[in-house]
Amino acid sequence: MALISRRTVLASSAALPIAALTITAGASPAPGSYGMVRRQNAALDAIVDLTAPVEQIGWGYGWTEGPVWVKDGGYLLFSEPRANAIYRWTAGTQPVEFLKPSGYAGDPNPALREPGSNGLAIDAAGMLVMADSGTRAIARVDLKTKKKTIAVDKFEGKRLNSPNDLVIAKSGAIYFTDPPYGLTEGDTSPVKELPFSGVYRLDPSGTLTVLDKELARPNGIALSPDEATLYVSNTDPAKPVLKAYALGSNGLVQSSSVLFDFTPLTAPHAKGNPDGIKVDQDGNLFAAGPGGILILSKEGKLLGLINVTGRATPNCAFGEDGSTLFICATDIVAKIKLKTKAANWG
């Protein structure tokens, strides 16, 4: 995939503030919908219907995060990091508590702002793999026994900050981000051991490699359908960008560039920041950002967004038959039907 420069992104996106997104006739929220689809480019029409309703499926949370669909069982899991819990939703029911504590299991620790799990994924063996913010580790959980094992919690002998999000390659390698969001005092936390916030690759052999240590707040992370490109969002207010990393056959970074700059989209009414990312079968990105879930082409063109009324949207995930997008939106979880499907859904 050809990567585009920061200058090109700024030139194309500077004219695309959220307020200027085209609202076509008939694109008002559907009755009972908790949001709406907003179109910037006609290519969006092949991805989602402008009148598709945003349906609320769970509510009353402090901050929802890290959704993942479990195919073996047909249910959704999502995190509430500050409440140290994971919830389970099955169609036709209300979400129920699945795992608590989901992360840190010791006595209350004032050093932890988010003691629970954050990003979630399912590996080839059907294990739940989590960015365990509170335990400051990447961990695996057996969905049947709920037994947890630590995959990695240190880099070069020093504790990780607070792993935030992750994606698993077909090889079994785990790519993850490690900002200090889970620590009460962030960069100045007395328990912080690493001098940077890293983007990492954990090889199936157990080798942990840092891919980027220059981002102040690496957050959401995803792979292109062919796994030749790694995407990472940076929630740093001084540089709110989505980076694309070209990967070699060994899964390591060969080069990188800015795919999209969120700066022109920030505005007081546009709630949210660069955060979770998912990718569909055609390589389009569903990237949490100011105003909702931004839908970007693989070239970095803004096609439109899914807005959940009055809420920041930190993350999303494909589920059901692969064409439903589940959205974590501050205190609720919602879903919307798409015309596309998740990459490599099978």
C-alpha atoms as a PDB file:
ATOM      1  CA  MET A   1       0.000   0.000   0.000  1.00  0.00           C
ATOM      2  CA  ALA A   2       1.356   3.421  -0.891  1.00  0.00           C
ATOM      3  CA  LEU A   3       1.820   5.616   2.159  1.00  0.00           C
ATOM      4  CA  ILE A   4       1.093   9.336   1.901  1.00  0.00           C
ATOM      5  CA  SER A   5       2.982  12.173   3.472  1.00  0.00           C
ATOM      6  CA  ARG A   6       1.945  14.408   6.358  1.00  0.00           C
ATOM      7  CA  ARG A   7       1.890  17.393   3.974  1.00  0.00           C
ATOM      8  CA  THR A   8      -0.521  15.608   1.613  1.00  0.00           C
ATOM      9  CA  VAL A   9      -2.817  14.653   4.484  1.00  0.00           C
ATOM     10  CA  LEU A  10      -2.899  18.175   5.841  1.00  0.00           C
ATOM     11  CA  ALA A  11      -3.595  19.604   2.415  1.00  0.00           C
ATOM     12  CA  SER A  12      -6.532  17.273   1.846  1.00  0.00           C
ATOM     13  CA  SER A  13      -7.988  17.189   5.352  1.00  0.00           C
ATOM     14  CA  ALA A  14      -7.660  20.863   6.202  1.00  0.00           C
ATOM     15  CA  ALA A  15     -10.802  21.559   4.214  1.00  0.00           C
ATOM     16  CA  LEU A  16     -12.769  18.850   5.994  1.00  0.00           C
ATOM     17  CA  PRO A  17     -13.817  20.119   9.448  1.00  0.00           C
ATOM     18  CA  ILE A  18     -16.506  18.049  11.118  1.00  0.00           C
ATOM     19  CA  ALA A  19     -18.972  20.916  10.877  1.00  0.00           C
ATOM     20  CA  ALA A  20     -18.626  20.859   7.076  1.00  0.00           C
ATOM     21  CA  LEU A  21     -19.521  17.192   6.644  1.00  0.00           C
ATOM     22  CA  THR A  22     -22.382  16.881   4.192  1.00  0.00           C
ATOM     23  CA  ILE A  23     -25.719  15.927   5.736  1.00  0.00           C
ATOM     24  CA  THR A  24     -27.778  14.658   2.841  1.00  0.00           C
ATOM     25  CA  ALA A  25     -31.550  14.697   2.677  1.00  0.00           C
ATOM     26  CA  GLY A  26     -33.000  11.822   4.663  1.00  0.00           C
ATOM     27  CA  ALA A  27     -29.842  11.419   6.761  1.00  0.00           C
ATOM     28  CA  SER A  28     -31.391  12.610  10.009  1.00  0.00           C
ATOM     29  CA  PRO A  29     -31.243  10.114  12.871  1.00  0.00           C
ATOM     30  CA  ALA A  30     -33.608   7.166  12.504  1.00  0.00           C
ATOM     31  CA  PRO A  31     -36.406   7.020  15.099  1.00  0.00           C
ATOM     32  CA  GLY A  32     -34.974   5.792  18.366  1.00  0.00           C
ATOM     33  CA  SER A  33     -31.417   6.020  17.045  1.00  0.00           C
ATOM     34  CA  TYR A  34     -28.630   7.155  19.340  1.00  0.00           C
ATOM     35  CA  GLY A  35     -26.654   8.735  16.523  1.00  0.00           C
ATOM     36  CA  MET A  36     -26.357   9.200  12.808  1.00  0.00           C
ATOM     37  CA  VAL A  37     -24.154   8.626   9.788  1.00  0.00           C
ATOM     38  CA  ARG A  38     -22.572  11.711   8.220  1.00  0.00           C
ATOM     39  CA  ARG A  39     -21.189  11.604   4.705  1.00  0.00           C
ATOM     40  CA  GLN A  40     -18.199  13.475   3.300  1.00  0.00           C
ATOM     41  CA  ASN A  41     -17.569  11.392   0.177  1.00  0.00           C
ATOM     42  CA  ALA A  42     -19.923   9.385  -2.043  1.00  0.00           C
ATOM     43  CA  ALA A  43     -17.737   6.302  -1.520  1.00  0.00           C
ATOM     44  CA  LEU A  44     -19.278   6.055   1.939  1.00  0.00           C
ATOM     45  CA  ASP A  45     -22.536   4.831   0.394  1.00  0.00           C
ATOM     46  CA  ALA A  46     -20.982   1.434  -0.359  1.00  0.00           C
ATOM     47  CA  ILE A  47     -19.928   1.065   3.277  1.00  0.00           C
ATOM     48  CA  VAL A  48     -22.923   2.151   5.353  1.00  0.00           C
ATOM     49  CA  ASP A  49     -26.465   3.339   4.715  1.00  0.00           C
ATOM     50  CA  LEU A  50     -26.936   6.981   5.694  1.00  0.00           C
ATOM     51  CA  THR A  51     -30.203   6.121   7.426  1.00  0.00           C
ATOM     52  CA  ALA A  52     -28.874   3.128   9.385  1.00  0.00           C
ATOM     53  CA  PRO A  53     -29.888   3.472  13.044  1.00  0.00           C
ATOM     54  CA  VAL A  54     -27.373   3.485  15.887  1.00  0.00           C
ATOM     55  CA  GLU A  55     -28.896   1.072  18.400  1.00  0.00           C
ATOM     56  CA  GLN A  56     -28.040   1.219  22.090  1.00  0.00           C
ATOM     57  CA  ILE A  57     -27.430  -2.212  23.638  1.00  0.00           C
ATOM     58  CA  GLY A  58     -25.946  -1.312  27.029  1.00  0.00           C
ATOM     59  CA  TRP A  59     -25.804   1.783  29.213  1.00  0.00           C
ATOM     60  CA  GLY A  60     -24.930   3.177  32.635  1.00  0.00           C
ATOM     61  CA  TYR A  61     -21.157   2.694  32.504  1.00  0.00           C
ATOM     62  CA  GLY A  62     -18.368   5.080  33.447  1.00  0.00           C
ATOM     63  CA  TRP A  63     -16.221   4.559  30.332  1.00  0.00           C
ATOM     64  CA  THR A  64     -16.544   1.659  27.874  1.00  0.00           C
ATOM     65  CA  GLU A  65     -13.607   0.312  25.882  1.00  0.00           C
ATOM     66  CA  GLY A  66     -11.977  -2.515  23.969  1.00  0.00           C
ATOM     67  CA  PRO A  67     -14.917  -4.442  22.424  1.00  0.00           C
ATOM     68  CA  VAL A  68     -14.360  -7.822  20.783  1.00  0.00           C
ATOM     69  CA  TRP A  69     -16.732 -10.352  19.230  1.00  0.00           C
ATOM     70  CA  VAL A  70     -16.375 -13.973  20.343  1.00  0.00           C
ATOM     71  CA  LYS A  71     -17.405 -16.144  17.389  1.00  0.00           C
ATOM     72  CA  ASP A  72     -17.412 -19.355  19.435  1.00  0.00           C
ATOM     73  CA  GLY A  73     -20.520 -18.547  21.422  1.00  0.00           C
ATOM     74  CA  GLY A  74     -21.703 -15.513  19.482  1.00  0.00           C
ATOM     75  CA  TYR A  75     -21.328 -12.751  22.041  1.00  0.00           C
ATOM     76  CA  LEU A  76     -19.629  -9.412  22.615  1.00  0.00           C
ATOM     77  CA  LEU A  77     -17.157  -8.639  25.363  1.00  0.00           C
ATOM     78  CA  PHE A  78     -16.200  -5.087  26.330  1.00  0.00           C
ATOM     79  CA  SER A  79     -14.134  -3.498  29.070  1.00  0.00           C
ATOM     80  CA  GLU A  80     -14.862  -0.867  31.668  1.00  0.00           C
ATOM     81  CA  PRO A  81     -11.257  -0.057  32.650  1.00  0.00           C
ATOM     82  CA  ARG A  82     -12.011   2.261  35.551  1.00  0.00           C
ATOM     83  CA  ALA A  83     -14.469  -0.208  37.096  1.00  0.00           C
ATOM     84  CA  ASN A  84     -12.032  -3.116  36.573  1.00  0.00           C
ATOM     85  CA  ALA A  85     -14.638  -5.218  34.775  1.00  0.00           C
ATOM     86  CA  ILE A  86     -15.461  -6.955  31.498  1.00  0.00           C
ATOM     87  CA  TYR A  87     -19.089  -7.333  30.419  1.00  0.00           C
ATOM     88  CA  ARG A  88     -20.720  -9.817  28.070  1.00  0.00           C
ATOM     89  CA  TRP A  89     -23.587  -9.043  25.700  1.00  0.00           C
ATOM     90  CA  THR A  90     -25.667 -11.580  23.797  1.00  0.00           C
ATOM     91  CA  ALA A  91     -28.389 -10.555  21.347  1.00  0.00           C
ATOM     92  CA  GLY A  92     -31.743 -10.067  23.014  1.00  0.00           C
ATOM     93  CA  THR A  93     -30.298  -9.600  26.500  1.00  0.00           C
ATOM     94  CA  GLN A  94     -28.733  -6.877  28.611  1.00  0.00           C
ATOM     95  CA  PRO A  95     -24.949  -6.985  29.208  1.00  0.00           C
ATOM     96  CA  VAL A  96     -23.913  -8.960  32.271  1.00  0.00           C
ATOM     97  CA  GLU A  97     -20.700  -8.959  34.242  1.00  0.00           C
ATOM     98  CA  PHE A  98     -18.262 -11.488  32.806  1.00  0.00           C
ATOM     99  CA  LEU A  99     -14.992 -10.898  34.660  1.00  0.00           C
ATOM    100  CA  LYS A 100     -14.227  -8.788  37.730  1.00  0.00           C
ATOM    101  CA  PRO A 101     -11.528  -7.906  38.433  1.00  0.00           C
ATOM    102  CA  SER A 102     -10.568  -7.882  34.795  1.00  0.00           C
ATOM    103  CA  GLY A 103      -7.133  -6.466  35.486  1.00  0.00           C
ATOM    104  CA  TYR A 104      -5.357  -5.622  38.735  1.00  0.00           C
ATOM    105  CA  ALA A 105      -6.387  -8.085  41.448  1.00  0.00           C
ATOM    106  CA  GLY A 106      -4.609  -6.733  44.544  1.00  0.00           C
ATOM    107  CA  ASP A 107      -5.623  -4.290  47.245  1.00  0.00           C
ATOM    108  CA  PRO A 108      -6.756  -0.834  46.034  1.00  0.00           C
ATOM    109  CA  ASN A 109      -3.792   0.984  44.526  1.00  0.00           C
ATOM    110  CA  PRO A 110      -4.009   4.786  44.210  1.00  0.00           C
ATOM    111  CA  ALA A 111      -1.260   4.697  41.577  1.00  0.00           C
ATOM    112  CA  LEU A 112      -3.690   3.076  39.114  1.00  0.00           C
ATOM    113  CA  ARG A 113      -6.152   5.318  37.279  1.00  0.00           C
ATOM    114  CA  GLU A 114      -7.528   2.421  35.224  1.00  0.00           C
ATOM    115  CA  PRO A 115      -7.072  -0.847  37.116  1.00  0.00           C
ATOM    116  CA  GLY A 116      -9.030  -2.951  34.630  1.00  0.00           C
ATOM    117  CA  SER A 117      -8.528  -4.358  31.145  1.00  0.00           C
ATOM    118  CA  ASN A 118      -8.697  -2.126  28.082  1.00  0.00           C
ATOM    119  CA  GLY A 119      -8.317  -3.484  24.524  1.00  0.00           C
ATOM    120  CA  LEU A 120      -9.448  -7.069  23.914  1.00  0.00           C
ATOM    121  CA  ALA A 121      -8.791  -9.611  21.148  1.00  0.00           C
ATOM    122  CA  ILE A 122      -9.356 -13.314  20.485  1.00  0.00           C
ATOM    123  CA  ASP A 123      -6.417 -15.426  19.341  1.00  0.00           C
ATOM    124  CA  ALA A 124      -6.405 -18.449  17.020  1.00  0.00           C
ATOM    125  CA  ALA A 125      -6.827 -20.796  19.985  1.00  0.00           C
ATOM    126  CA  GLY A 126      -9.958 -18.965  21.138  1.00  0.00           C
ATOM    127  CA  MET A 127      -8.246 -17.367  24.122  1.00  0.00           C
ATOM    128  CA  LEU A 128      -9.118 -13.845  25.214  1.00  0.00           C
ATOM    129  CA  VAL A 129      -6.014 -11.671  24.935  1.00  0.00           C
ATOM    130  CA  MET A 130      -6.137  -8.375  26.778  1.00  0.00           C
ATOM    131  CA  ALA A 131      -4.237  -5.159  27.162  1.00  0.00           C
ATOM    132  CA  ASP A 132      -4.303  -5.379  30.937  1.00  0.00           C
ATOM    133  CA  SER A 133      -3.908  -1.779  32.000  1.00  0.00           C
ATOM    134  CA  GLY A 134      -4.051  -2.464  35.738  1.00  0.00           C
ATOM    135  CA  THR A 135      -1.680  -5.425  35.805  1.00  0.00           C
ATOM    136  CA  ARG A 136       0.491  -3.499  33.278  1.00  0.00           C
ATOM    137  CA  ALA A 137       0.776  -6.526  31.034  1.00  0.00           C
ATOM    138  CA  ILE A 138      -0.485  -8.368  27.992  1.00  0.00           C
ATOM    139  CA  ALA A 139      -2.454 -11.277  29.399  1.00  0.00           C
ATOM    140  CA  ARG A 140      -4.397 -14.295  28.163  1.00  0.00           C
ATOM    141  CA  VAL A 141      -7.639 -15.504  29.706  1.00  0.00           C
ATOM    142  CA  ASP A 142      -9.259 -18.895  29.154  1.00  0.00           C
ATOM    143  CA  LEU A 143     -12.882 -18.008  28.387  1.00  0.00           C
ATOM    144  CA  LYS A 144     -14.166 -21.206  30.000  1.00  0.00           C
ATOM    145  CA  THR A 145     -12.148 -21.262  33.226  1.00  0.00           C
ATOM    146  CA  LYS A 146     -11.349 -17.508  33.326  1.00  0.00           C
ATOM    147  CA  LYS A 147      -7.803 -18.406  34.335  1.00  0.00           C
ATOM    148  CA  LYS A 148      -5.360 -15.636  33.465  1.00  0.00           C
ATOM    149  CA  THR A 149      -1.729 -15.991  32.390  1.00  0.00           C
ATOM    150  CA  ILE A 150       0.733 -13.191  31.708  1.00  0.00           C
ATOM    151  CA  ALA A 151       2.213 -13.095  28.212  1.00  0.00           C
ATOM    152  CA  VAL A 152       4.554 -10.166  28.879  1.00  0.00           C
ATOM    153  CA  ASP A 153       4.852  -7.422  31.488  1.00  0.00           C
ATOM    154  CA  LYS A 154       8.390  -6.110  31.078  1.00  0.00           C
ATOM    155  CA  PHE A 155      10.604  -4.620  28.408  1.00  0.00           C
ATOM    156  CA  GLU A 156      14.332  -4.972  29.040  1.00  0.00           C
ATOM    157  CA  GLY A 157      13.627  -5.686  32.696  1.00  0.00           C
ATOM    158  CA  LYS A 158      11.373  -2.659  33.278  1.00  0.00           C
ATOM    159  CA  ARG A 159       7.628  -2.750  33.893  1.00  0.00           C
ATOM    160  CA  LEU A 160       5.380  -1.740  31.033  1.00  0.00           C
ATOM    161  CA  ASN A 161       3.378   1.466  31.539  1.00  0.00           C
ATOM    162  CA  SER A 162      -0.251   0.385  31.062  1.00  0.00           C
ATOM    163  CA  PRO A 163      -0.976  -1.528  27.836  1.00  0.00           C
ATOM    164  CA  ASN A 164      -3.923   0.079  26.077  1.00  0.00           C
ATOM    165  CA  ASP A 165      -4.849  -1.726  22.857  1.00  0.00           C
ATOM    166  CA  LEU A 166      -3.691  -4.661  20.747  1.00  0.00           C
ATOM    167  CA  VAL A 167      -4.114  -6.574  17.512  1.00  0.00           C
ATOM    168  CA  ILE A 168      -3.080 -10.144  16.720  1.00  0.00           C
ATOM    169  CA  ALA A 169      -1.452 -11.108  13.409  1.00  0.00           C
ATOM    170  CA  LYS A 170      -2.118 -14.414  11.640  1.00  0.00           C
ATOM    171  CA  SER A 171       1.338 -15.519  12.779  1.00  0.00           C
ATOM    172  CA  GLY A 172       0.239 -15.130  16.392  1.00  0.00           C
ATOM    173  CA  ALA A 173       2.384 -12.047  16.932  1.00  0.00           C
ATOM    174  CA  ILE A 174       0.728  -9.465  19.178  1.00  0.00           C
ATOM    175  CA  TYR A 175       1.130  -5.778  18.364  1.00  0.00           C
ATOM    176  CA  PHE A 176       0.222  -3.429  21.212  1.00  0.00           C
ATOM    177  CA  THR A 177       0.462   0.131  22.499  1.00  0.00           C
ATOM    178  CA  ASP A 178       1.699   1.150  25.940  1.00  0.00           C
ATOM    179  CA  PRO A 179       0.852   4.733  26.972  1.00  0.00           C
ATOM    180  CA  PRO A 180       0.680   5.732  30.670  1.00  0.00           C
ATOM    181  CA  TYR A 181      -3.096   6.344  30.656  1.00  0.00           C
ATOM    182  CA  GLY A 182      -3.690   3.677  33.277  1.00  0.00           C
ATOM    183  CA  LEU A 183      -1.398   5.409  35.773  1.00  0.00           C
ATOM    184  CA  THR A 184      -2.937   8.105  37.953  1.00  0.00           C
ATOM    185  CA  GLU A 185      -0.095  10.577  37.426  1.00  0.00           C
ATOM    186  CA  GLY A 186       0.721   9.595  33.859  1.00  0.00           C
ATOM    187  CA  ASP A 187       4.271  10.416  32.816  1.00  0.00           C
ATOM    188  CA  THR A 188       5.144  11.658  36.306  1.00  0.00           C
ATOM    189  CA  SER A 189       3.872   8.547  38.085  1.00  0.00           C
ATOM    190  CA  PRO A 190       6.370   7.240  40.652  1.00  0.00           C
ATOM    191  CA  VAL A 191       5.645   3.681  39.484  1.00  0.00           C
ATOM    192  CA  LYS A 192       6.426   4.422  35.828  1.00  0.00           C
ATOM    193  CA  GLU A 193       9.680   2.672  34.884  1.00  0.00           C
ATOM    194  CA  LEU A 194      10.027   3.210  31.123  1.00  0.00           C
ATOM    195  CA  PRO A 195      11.002   6.676  29.822  1.00  0.00           C
ATOM    196  CA  PHE A 196       8.813   6.365  26.706  1.00  0.00           C
ATOM    197  CA  SER A 197       5.406   5.184  25.507  1.00  0.00           C
ATOM    198  CA  GLY A 198       6.004   2.326  23.123  1.00  0.00           C
ATOM    199  CA  VAL A 199       4.466   0.496  20.211  1.00  0.00           C
ATOM    200  CA  TYR A 200       5.525  -3.146  20.530  1.00  0.00           C
ATOM    201  CA  ARG A 201       5.505  -6.498  18.782  1.00  0.00           C
ATOM    202  CA  LEU A 202       5.410  -9.647  20.897  1.00  0.00           C
ATOM    203  CA  ASP A 203       6.635 -12.575  18.823  1.00  0.00           C
ATOM    204  CA  PRO A 204       5.049 -16.003  19.379  1.00  0.00           C
ATOM    205  CA  SER A 205       8.480 -17.073  20.661  1.00  0.00           C
ATOM    206  CA  GLY A 206       8.164 -14.515  23.477  1.00  0.00           C
ATOM    207  CA  THR A 207      10.579 -11.950  22.079  1.00  0.00           C
ATOM    208  CA  LEU A 208       9.366  -8.392  22.701  1.00  0.00           C
ATOM    209  CA  THR A 209      10.494  -5.715  20.227  1.00  0.00           C
ATOM    210  CA  VAL A 210       9.778  -1.999  20.467  1.00  0.00           C
ATOM    211  CA  LEU A 211       8.714  -0.651  17.052  1.00  0.00           C
ATOM    212  CA  ASP A 212       8.267   3.022  17.920  1.00  0.00           C
ATOM    213  CA  LYS A 213       9.129   4.945  21.061  1.00  0.00           C
ATOM    214  CA  GLU A 214       8.600   8.451  19.671  1.00  0.00           C
ATOM    215  CA  LEU A 215       4.814   8.757  20.036  1.00  0.00           C
ATOM    216  CA  ALA A 216       3.731  10.521  23.223  1.00  0.00           C
ATOM    217  CA  ARG A 217       0.385   8.719  23.440  1.00  0.00           C
ATOM    218  CA  PRO A 218       0.135   5.642  21.169  1.00  0.00           C
ATOM    219  CA  ASN A 219      -3.379   4.309  21.488  1.00  0.00           C
ATOM    220  CA  GLY A 220      -5.507   2.396  18.943  1.00  0.00           C
ATOM    221  CA  ILE A 221      -3.796  -0.203  16.768  1.00  0.00           C
ATOM    222  CA  ALA A 222      -4.805  -2.341  13.768  1.00  0.00           C
ATOM    223  CA  LEU A 223      -3.447  -4.267  10.785  1.00  0.00           C
ATOM    224  CA  SER A 224      -4.356  -3.973   7.107  1.00  0.00           C
ATOM    225  CA  PRO A 225      -6.085  -7.045   5.581  1.00  0.00           C
ATOM    226  CA  ASP A 226      -2.790  -8.254   4.062  1.00  0.00           C
ATOM    227  CA  GLU A 227      -0.933  -7.415   7.300  1.00  0.00           C
ATOM    228  CA  ALA A 228       1.618  -5.410   5.325  1.00  0.00           C
ATOM    229  CA  THR A 229       0.692  -2.234   7.197  1.00  0.00           C
ATOM    230  CA  LEU A 230       0.313  -1.518  10.892  1.00  0.00           C
ATOM    231  CA  TYR A 231      -1.839   1.440  11.954  1.00  0.00           C
ATOM    232  CA  VAL A 232      -1.447   3.323  15.233  1.00  0.00           C
ATOM    233  CA  SER A 233      -3.350   6.355  16.489  1.00  0.00           C
ATOM    234  CA  ASN A 234      -1.635   8.972  18.636  1.00  0.00           C
ATOM    235  CA  THR A 235      -3.808  10.780  21.174  1.00  0.00           C
ATOM    236  CA  ASP A 236      -1.215  13.478  21.861  1.00  0.00           C
ATOM    237  CA  PRO A 237      -2.974  16.902  21.553  1.00  0.00           C
ATOM    238  CA  ALA A 238       0.212  18.310  20.041  1.00  0.00           C
ATOM    239  CA  LYS A 239       0.295  15.646  17.313  1.00  0.00           C
ATOM    240  CA  PRO A 240      -3.075  13.867  16.936  1.00  0.00           C
ATOM    241  CA  VAL A 241      -2.320  11.624  13.986  1.00  0.00           C
ATOM    242  CA  LEU A 242      -2.868   8.145  12.614  1.00  0.00           C
ATOM    243  CA  LYS A 243       0.422   6.594  11.526  1.00  0.00           C
ATOM    244  CA  ALA A 244       0.933   3.826   8.989  1.00  0.00           C
ATOM    245  CA  TYR A 245       3.948   1.523   9.353  1.00  0.00           C
ATOM    246  CA  ALA A 246       5.084  -0.608   6.417  1.00  0.00           C
ATOM    247  CA  LEU A 247       5.978  -4.057   7.755  1.00  0.00           C
ATOM    248  CA  GLY A 248       8.533  -6.467   6.356  1.00  0.00           C
ATOM    249  CA  SER A 249       8.096 -10.216   6.015  1.00  0.00           C
ATOM    250  CA  ASN A 250       9.460 -10.543   9.564  1.00  0.00           C
ATOM    251  CA  GLY A 251       6.642  -8.363  10.911  1.00  0.00           C
ATOM    252  CA  LEU A 252       8.976  -5.509  11.819  1.00  0.00           C
ATOM    253  CA  VAL A 253       8.765  -1.898  10.684  1.00  0.00           C
ATOM    254  CA  GLN A 254      10.530  -0.879   7.486  1.00  0.00           C
ATOM    255  CA  SER A 255       9.192   2.681   7.189  1.00  0.00           C
ATOM    256  CA  SER A 256       6.379   4.870   8.443  1.00  0.00           C
ATOM    257  CA  SER A 257       4.411   8.000   7.638  1.00  0.00           C
ATOM    258  CA  VAL A 258       1.332   9.910   8.726  1.00  0.00           C
ATOM    259  CA  LEU A 259      -1.778   8.523   7.044  1.00  0.00           C
ATOM    260  CA  PHE A 260      -4.229  11.001   8.553  1.00  0.00           C
ATOM    261  CA  ASP A 261      -3.983  14.135  10.698  1.00  0.00           C
ATOM    262  CA  PHE A 262      -6.919  14.750  13.046  1.00  0.00           C
ATOM    263  CA  THR A 263      -5.922  18.344  13.834  1.00  0.00           C
ATOM    264  CA  PRO A 264      -8.354  20.041  11.408  1.00  0.00           C
ATOM    265  CA  LEU A 265     -11.237  18.041  12.881  1.00  0.00           C
ATOM    266  CA  THR A 266     -10.797  19.081  16.484  1.00  0.00           C
ATOM    267  CA  ALA A 267     -13.430  21.495  17.753  1.00  0.00           C
ATOM    268  CA  PRO A 268     -15.228  22.108  21.063  1.00  0.00           C
ATOM    269  CA  HIS A 269     -18.364  20.302  19.825  1.00  0.00           C
ATOM    270  CA  ALA A 270     -16.450  17.357  18.322  1.00  0.00           C
ATOM    271  CA  LYS A 271     -16.087  15.062  21.308  1.00  0.00           C
ATOM    272  CA  GLY A 272     -13.417  12.397  21.346  1.00  0.00           C
ATOM    273  CA  ASN A 273      -9.781  11.870  20.404  1.00  0.00           C
ATOM    274  CA  PRO A 274      -7.784   9.552  18.150  1.00  0.00           C
ATOM    275  CA  ASP A 275      -8.308   6.140  19.702  1.00  0.00           C
ATOM    276  CA  GLY A 276      -9.332   2.622  18.657  1.00  0.00           C
ATOM    277  CA  ILE A 277      -9.071   1.406  15.043  1.00  0.00           C
ATOM    278  CA  LYS A 278     -10.612  -1.440  13.080  1.00  0.00           C
ATOM    279  CA  VAL A 279     -10.271  -2.335   9.374  1.00  0.00           C
ATOM    280  CA  ASP A 280     -12.801  -3.765   6.927  1.00  0.00           C
ATOM    281  CA  GLN A 281     -12.336  -6.273   4.084  1.00  0.00           C
ATOM    282  CA  ASP A 282     -11.463  -3.510   1.604  1.00  0.00           C
ATOM    283  CA  GLY A 283      -8.893  -1.870   3.838  1.00  0.00           C
ATOM    284  CA  ASN A 284     -11.111   1.020   4.958  1.00  0.00           C
ATOM    285  CA  LEU A 285     -10.366   2.178   8.483  1.00  0.00           C
ATOM    286  CA  PHE A 286     -12.932   2.766  11.216  1.00  0.00           C
ATOM    287  CA  ALA A 287     -10.974   5.091  13.477  1.00  0.00           C
ATOM    288  CA  ALA A 288     -12.222   6.676  16.678  1.00  0.00           C
ATOM    289  CA  GLY A 289     -11.606  10.400  16.591  1.00  0.00           C
ATOM    290  CA  PRO A 290     -13.153  13.832  17.090  1.00  0.00           C
ATOM    291  CA  GLY A 291     -16.876  13.613  16.374  1.00  0.00           C
ATOM    292  CA  GLY A 292     -17.259   9.845  16.309  1.00  0.00           C
ATOM    293  CA  ILE A 293     -15.975   6.825  14.395  1.00  0.00           C
ATOM    294  CA  LEU A 294     -14.262   8.256  11.311  1.00  0.00           C
ATOM    295  CA  ILE A 295     -14.388   6.115   8.184  1.00  0.00           C
ATOM    296  CA  LEU A 296     -11.220   6.516   6.124  1.00  0.00           C
ATOM    297  CA  SER A 297     -10.183   4.938   2.849  1.00  0.00           C
ATOM    298  CA  LYS A 298      -6.940   2.987   2.885  1.00  0.00           C
ATOM    299  CA  GLU A 299      -5.352   6.016   1.194  1.00  0.00           C
ATOM    300  CA  GLY A 300      -6.324   8.180   4.169  1.00  0.00           C
ATOM    301  CA  LYS A 301      -9.292  10.007   2.631  1.00  0.00           C
ATOM    302  CA  LEU A 302     -12.100  10.926   5.019  1.00  0.00           C
ATOM    303  CA  LEU A 303     -15.311   9.341   3.704  1.00  0.00           C
ATOM    304  CA  GLY A 304     -17.593  10.151   6.616  1.00  0.00           C
ATOM    305  CA  LEU A 305     -18.276   9.242  10.209  1.00  0.00           C
ATOM    306  CA  ILE A 306     -20.662   7.534  12.574  1.00  0.00           C
ATOM    307  CA  ASN A 307     -21.624   9.926  15.343  1.00  0.00           C
ATOM    308  CA  VAL A 308     -23.093   8.749  18.639  1.00  0.00           C
ATOM    309  CA  THR A 309     -25.030  11.727  19.923  1.00  0.00           C
ATOM    310  CA  GLY A 310     -23.297  13.725  22.632  1.00  0.00           C
ATOM    311  CA  ARG A 311     -20.599  11.146  23.347  1.00  0.00           C
ATOM    312  CA  ALA A 312     -16.945  10.452  22.704  1.00  0.00           C
ATOM    313  CA  THR A 313     -16.391   7.098  20.991  1.00  0.00           C
ATOM    314  CA  PRO A 314     -13.143   5.490  22.171  1.00  0.00           C
ATOM    315  CA  ASN A 315     -13.320   2.185  20.289  1.00  0.00           C
ATOM    316  CA  CYS A 316     -15.268  -0.172  18.038  1.00  0.00           C
ATOM    317  CA  ALA A 317     -15.312  -3.759  16.791  1.00  0.00           C
ATOM    318  CA  PHE A 318     -16.954  -5.870  14.100  1.00  0.00           C
ATOM    319  CA  GLY A 319     -19.278  -8.630  15.191  1.00  0.00           C
ATOM    320  CA  GLU A 320     -22.258 -10.916  14.532  1.00  0.00           C
ATOM    321  CA  ASP A 321     -21.865 -11.887  10.845  1.00  0.00           C
ATOM    322  CA  GLY A 322     -18.938  -9.479  10.466  1.00  0.00           C
ATOM    323  CA  SER A 323     -21.070  -6.616   9.166  1.00  0.00           C
ATOM    324  CA  THR A 324     -22.216  -5.166  12.493  1.00  0.00           C
ATOM    325  CA  LEU A 325     -20.065  -2.460  14.056  1.00  0.00           C
ATOM    326  CA  PHE A 326     -20.196  -2.305  17.837  1.00  0.00           C
ATOM    327  CA  ILE A 327     -19.235   1.085  19.269  1.00  0.00           C
ATOM    328  CA  CYS A 328     -18.079   1.956  22.763  1.00  0.00           C
ATOM    329  CA  ALA A 329     -19.370   5.478  23.384  1.00  0.00           C
ATOM    330  CA  THR A 330     -18.465   6.811  26.826  1.00  0.00           C
ATOM    331  CA  ASP A 331     -21.267   5.450  29.052  1.00  0.00           C
ATOM    332  CA  ILE A 332     -23.029   3.224  26.514  1.00  0.00           C
ATOM    333  CA  VAL A 333     -22.383   0.485  23.965  1.00  0.00           C
ATOM    334  CA  ALA A 334     -24.149   0.729  20.604  1.00  0.00           C
ATOM    335  CA  LYS A 335     -24.247  -1.060  17.271  1.00  0.00           C
ATOM    336  CA  ILE A 336     -24.927  -0.204  13.642  1.00  0.00           C
ATOM    337  CA  LYS A 337     -25.375  -2.402  10.575  1.00  0.00           C
ATOM    338  CA  LEU A 338     -22.877  -1.910   7.739  1.00  0.00           C
ATOM    339  CA  LYS A 339     -22.729  -2.895   4.083  1.00  0.00           C
ATOM    340  CA  THR A 340     -19.136  -4.040   4.474  1.00  0.00           C
ATOM    341  CA  LYS A 341     -17.533  -6.728   6.611  1.00  0.00           C
ATOM    342  CA  ALA A 342     -14.506  -7.049   8.831  1.00  0.00           C
ATOM    343  CA  ALA A 343     -11.177  -7.887   7.258  1.00  0.00           C
ATOM    344  CA  ASN A 344     -10.413 -11.618   7.180  1.00  0.00           C
ATOM    345  CA  TRP A 345     -13.693 -12.468   8.916  1.00  0.00           C
ATOM    346  CA  GLY A 346     -13.713 -15.992   7.512  1.00  0.00           C
END
